[in-house]
């Protein structure tokens, strides 16, 4: 019987993508371990999350690929230069996701989203960042299945999003919920978490 664990499959695909594998190579590598349709869905979701919005406008230099955030507008992507910011955030987390304890297939995620920051001080403040697995970053920023709680510094299920709890449980993401992120226990990070919370829930 093939494995239907979405989170596990997505993590393995993230690792293979980071190694430069193509979609057909990933399908071939995992076809005996996971459901074929599940592999396709995970692979497409990750590729769509990571790719630039315009391949004609954004070049393929290493620096530009490192600063792409799919939630930004194209103009924001072109004008961002957060390589140093990313480096500082990764150092704060010892190059390891604080929830999964893994150091592969990870992204630097803004707490208060780049588009909502008031100035460059907020945009490039390393206290306004978390080093997360790509899959965690996606279900937080894109799918809105979880939110970062300002009271206890952990992710919780976003009950405002329809069927969020069911999706979290069925896709193997329950391990994310309730894990305290100790690196966020400082006044600046708490301020950004509260600001993000207020924006997301229109406080």
Protein backbone atom coordinates (compact mmCIF):
# COMPACT_ATOMS: atom_id res chain seq x y z
CA UNK A 1 0.00 0.00 0.00
CA UNK A 2 1.40 3.41 -0.99
CA UNK A 3 2.04 6.11 1.59
CA UNK A 4 -0.51 8.95 1.67
CA UNK A 5 1.27 11.18 4.23
CA UNK A 6 1.24 14.59 2.54
CA UNK A 7 3.67 16.33 4.90
CA UNK A 8 6.24 13.54 4.70
CA UNK A 9 5.99 13.36 0.91
CA UNK A 10 6.32 17.14 0.57
CA UNK A 11 9.41 17.21 2.78
CA UNK A 12 11.11 14.54 0.65
CA UNK A 13 10.19 16.38 -2.55
CA UNK A 14 11.56 19.64 -1.10
CA UNK A 15 14.86 17.91 -0.45
CA UNK A 16 14.98 16.50 -3.98
CA UNK A 17 14.15 19.91 -5.48
CA UNK A 18 16.96 21.48 -3.45
CA UNK A 19 19.29 18.87 -4.98
CA UNK A 20 18.31 20.05 -8.46
CA UNK A 21 16.10 17.09 -9.39
CA UNK A 22 13.50 17.61 -12.13
CA UNK A 23 9.82 16.76 -11.70
CA UNK A 24 10.03 13.53 -13.71
CA UNK A 25 13.09 12.43 -11.71
CA UNK A 26 11.22 13.05 -8.45
CA UNK A 27 8.23 11.04 -9.67
CA UNK A 28 10.54 8.19 -10.62
CA UNK A 29 12.39 8.28 -7.26
CA UNK A 30 9.24 8.25 -5.13
CA UNK A 31 6.75 6.25 -7.20
CA UNK A 32 7.26 3.08 -5.15
CA UNK A 33 6.83 4.85 -1.80
CA UNK A 34 3.97 7.31 -2.34
CA UNK A 35 0.71 7.55 -4.22
CA UNK A 36 1.37 8.86 -7.75
CA UNK A 37 -1.31 11.56 -7.55
CA UNK A 38 -0.03 12.69 -4.14
CA UNK A 39 3.49 13.10 -5.55
CA UNK A 40 2.15 15.22 -8.41
CA UNK A 41 0.12 17.44 -6.11
CA UNK A 42 2.99 18.00 -3.66
CA UNK A 43 5.47 18.63 -6.43
CA UNK A 44 3.23 21.16 -8.20
CA UNK A 45 2.43 22.97 -4.94
CA UNK A 46 6.10 23.35 -4.06
CA UNK A 47 7.18 24.44 -7.53
CA UNK A 48 4.38 27.03 -7.70
CA UNK A 49 5.31 28.29 -4.22
CA UNK A 50 9.01 28.71 -5.01
CA UNK A 51 9.07 29.91 -8.62
CA UNK A 52 9.26 33.64 -9.56
CA UNK A 53 6.11 35.28 -10.86
CA UNK A 54 7.82 36.31 -14.11
CA UNK A 55 10.72 34.40 -15.63
CA UNK A 56 11.10 37.11 -18.29
CA UNK A 57 11.66 39.89 -15.74
CA UNK A 58 13.52 38.09 -12.95
CA UNK A 59 16.84 36.55 -13.99
CA UNK A 60 18.29 33.31 -12.65
CA UNK A 61 21.22 34.71 -10.68
CA UNK A 62 21.71 33.02 -7.31
CA UNK A 63 21.10 36.24 -5.38
CA UNK A 64 17.77 36.98 -7.08
CA UNK A 65 16.50 33.42 -6.67
CA UNK A 66 17.26 33.67 -2.96
CA UNK A 67 15.10 36.75 -2.48
CA UNK A 68 11.96 35.60 -4.25
CA UNK A 69 8.85 35.42 -2.11
CA UNK A 70 5.71 34.29 -3.96
CA UNK A 71 3.53 36.55 -1.83
CA UNK A 72 5.30 39.71 -3.05
CA UNK A 73 4.29 41.77 -6.05
CA UNK A 74 6.71 41.67 -8.99
CA UNK A 75 7.99 45.17 -8.24
CA UNK A 76 8.74 44.13 -4.66
CA UNK A 77 10.63 41.06 -5.88
CA UNK A 78 12.81 43.11 -8.23
CA UNK A 79 13.65 45.75 -5.63
CA UNK A 80 14.40 43.41 -2.74
CA UNK A 81 17.95 42.71 -1.71
CA UNK A 82 17.68 40.72 1.51
CA UNK A 83 20.62 38.35 1.19
CA UNK A 84 22.22 39.75 4.37
CA UNK A 85 18.86 39.62 6.16
CA UNK A 86 18.43 35.96 5.27
CA UNK A 87 21.94 35.18 6.50
CA UNK A 88 21.28 36.81 9.89
CA UNK A 89 17.96 34.99 10.36
CA UNK A 90 19.53 31.65 9.50
CA UNK A 91 22.30 32.32 12.04
CA UNK A 92 19.67 33.12 14.70
CA UNK A 93 18.20 29.66 14.12
CA UNK A 94 21.52 27.86 13.69
CA UNK A 95 20.49 27.06 10.10
CA UNK A 96 17.76 24.77 11.40
CA UNK A 97 13.95 24.91 11.46
CA UNK A 98 12.95 25.22 15.15
CA UNK A 99 9.87 23.03 14.67
CA UNK A 100 11.14 20.16 12.53
CA UNK A 101 14.79 20.41 13.65
CA UNK A 102 15.77 19.94 9.99
CA UNK A 103 18.21 22.02 7.99
CA UNK A 104 17.12 21.09 4.46
CA UNK A 105 14.30 22.44 2.29
CA UNK A 106 13.90 25.52 4.50
CA UNK A 107 12.94 29.15 3.83
CA UNK A 108 13.47 32.40 5.66
CA UNK A 109 9.93 33.62 6.35
CA UNK A 110 8.98 37.13 7.40
CA UNK A 111 6.84 37.33 10.54
CA UNK A 112 5.26 40.63 9.57
CA UNK A 113 4.99 40.15 5.83
CA UNK A 114 7.30 42.14 3.56
CA UNK A 115 4.40 43.89 1.88
CA UNK A 116 3.06 45.10 5.25
CA UNK A 117 6.35 46.46 6.62
CA UNK A 118 6.46 50.23 7.03
CA UNK A 119 10.12 50.75 6.12
CA UNK A 120 13.41 49.00 5.42
CA UNK A 121 14.17 48.75 9.13
CA UNK A 122 11.20 46.41 9.51
CA UNK A 123 11.74 44.63 6.19
CA UNK A 124 15.32 43.66 6.97
CA UNK A 125 15.22 43.31 10.74
CA UNK A 126 16.37 39.75 11.52
CA UNK A 127 13.97 39.74 14.48
CA UNK A 128 11.23 39.85 11.85
CA UNK A 129 12.12 36.44 10.47
CA UNK A 130 11.83 32.70 11.13
CA UNK A 131 13.71 29.86 9.45
CA UNK A 132 11.03 27.31 8.52
CA UNK A 133 10.52 24.22 6.43
CA UNK A 134 9.14 25.26 3.05
CA UNK A 135 5.97 23.29 3.75
CA UNK A 136 5.38 25.12 7.07
CA UNK A 137 6.06 28.46 5.40
CA UNK A 138 3.51 27.62 2.69
CA UNK A 139 0.65 26.53 4.96
CA UNK A 140 1.23 29.68 7.06
CA UNK A 141 1.65 32.35 4.37
CA UNK A 142 -0.20 30.91 1.38
CA UNK A 143 -2.83 28.48 2.62
CA UNK A 144 -3.48 30.30 5.93
CA UNK A 145 -4.04 27.01 7.78
CA UNK A 146 -2.04 28.18 10.81
CA UNK A 147 -1.21 31.42 12.58
CA UNK A 148 1.56 32.47 14.95
CA UNK A 149 0.13 33.12 18.40
CA UNK A 150 1.53 36.23 20.13
CA UNK A 151 0.68 34.85 23.58
CA UNK A 152 2.73 31.65 23.59
CA UNK A 153 4.97 32.00 20.48
CA UNK A 154 3.72 28.87 18.75
CA UNK A 155 1.68 28.04 15.67
CA UNK A 156 -2.00 27.26 16.12
CA UNK A 157 -4.72 26.12 13.76
CA UNK A 158 -6.41 29.01 11.98
CA UNK A 159 -10.07 28.15 12.51
CA UNK A 160 -11.10 31.08 10.30
CA UNK A 161 -9.86 29.12 7.26
CA UNK A 162 -12.46 26.49 6.23
CA UNK A 163 -11.51 22.89 7.08
CA UNK A 164 -8.11 24.01 8.42
CA UNK A 165 -8.08 21.51 11.30
CA UNK A 166 -9.05 18.62 9.01
CA UNK A 167 -6.33 19.53 6.51
CA UNK A 168 -3.71 19.84 9.25
CA UNK A 169 -4.56 16.43 10.70
CA UNK A 170 -5.08 14.56 7.42
CA UNK A 171 -1.87 15.87 5.86
CA UNK A 172 0.36 15.07 8.81
CA UNK A 173 1.00 18.62 10.06
CA UNK A 174 -0.20 18.13 13.64
CA UNK A 175 3.41 18.13 14.86
CA UNK A 176 3.63 21.84 14.01
CA UNK A 177 0.92 22.90 16.43
CA UNK A 178 1.89 24.06 19.91
CA UNK A 179 5.69 23.97 19.54
CA UNK A 180 7.10 27.05 21.26
CA UNK A 181 9.69 28.91 19.16
CA UNK A 182 12.12 30.15 21.81
CA UNK A 183 14.06 32.39 19.41
CA UNK A 184 10.97 34.61 19.24
CA UNK A 185 11.06 35.37 22.96
CA UNK A 186 12.29 38.95 22.60
CA UNK A 187 10.46 42.31 22.48
CA UNK A 188 11.04 43.00 18.77
CA UNK A 189 9.89 39.60 17.53
CA UNK A 190 6.87 39.72 19.81
CA UNK A 191 5.99 43.13 18.35
CA UNK A 192 6.12 41.72 14.80
CA UNK A 193 4.03 38.69 15.79
CA UNK A 194 1.36 40.90 17.34
CA UNK A 195 1.38 43.16 14.30
CA UNK A 196 0.98 40.17 11.93
CA UNK A 197 -1.82 38.80 14.13
CA UNK A 198 -3.65 42.14 14.11
CA UNK A 199 -3.35 42.41 10.31
CA UNK A 200 -4.41 38.82 9.62
CA UNK A 201 -7.41 38.99 11.93
CA UNK A 202 -8.20 42.67 11.25
CA UNK A 203 -7.88 43.75 14.89
